[in-house]
Amino acid sequence: MRRLISSGSPFEAEIGYSRAVVQDGWVFVAGTTGFDYATMEIAEDIAAQAEQTFRNIDAALRDAGADMSDVVRVSYFLPDAADWEACWPVIRAWLGEARPAATMIAARLQDPRMKIEIEVTAKLPD
């Protein structure tokens, strides 16, 4: 059974995707950025954006019945690879125990205010 999860972000309806999809015991969380979806504001600081991004991902995972400890794969996208190291303490705080397989890619993002985008895959607990 397939279940779609929305964060309420206007991007989801405008573009045509779900924040997360739950299928066959897996949770696939779409590329997520540091927007606070309640206010549609985004911080300028890369570490603050990473923190908000993880809060957004955590909310989607919890809606699906999982949490950050269930993450098995993560991909990070940053327009400026020089910003990567500033994110490490935030990443370690959120995923340091789960230690998922990870990739970082330097790539331009949809909005120039976005400094990081993160997508994760998690396995639902038994």
Foldseek 3Di string as FASTA:
>chain_A
DKDFAAPQAPCCVVVPHGQWIDDPQKIKGPWFWQQPRVVRDHDQQQQNGLLSRQVSVQVRQVVVQHGLLQWAEKEKEFQDVVSVVVNVVVCCVRNVVSPHHYYYYHDDDDDVSTGMIMITMGGHDD
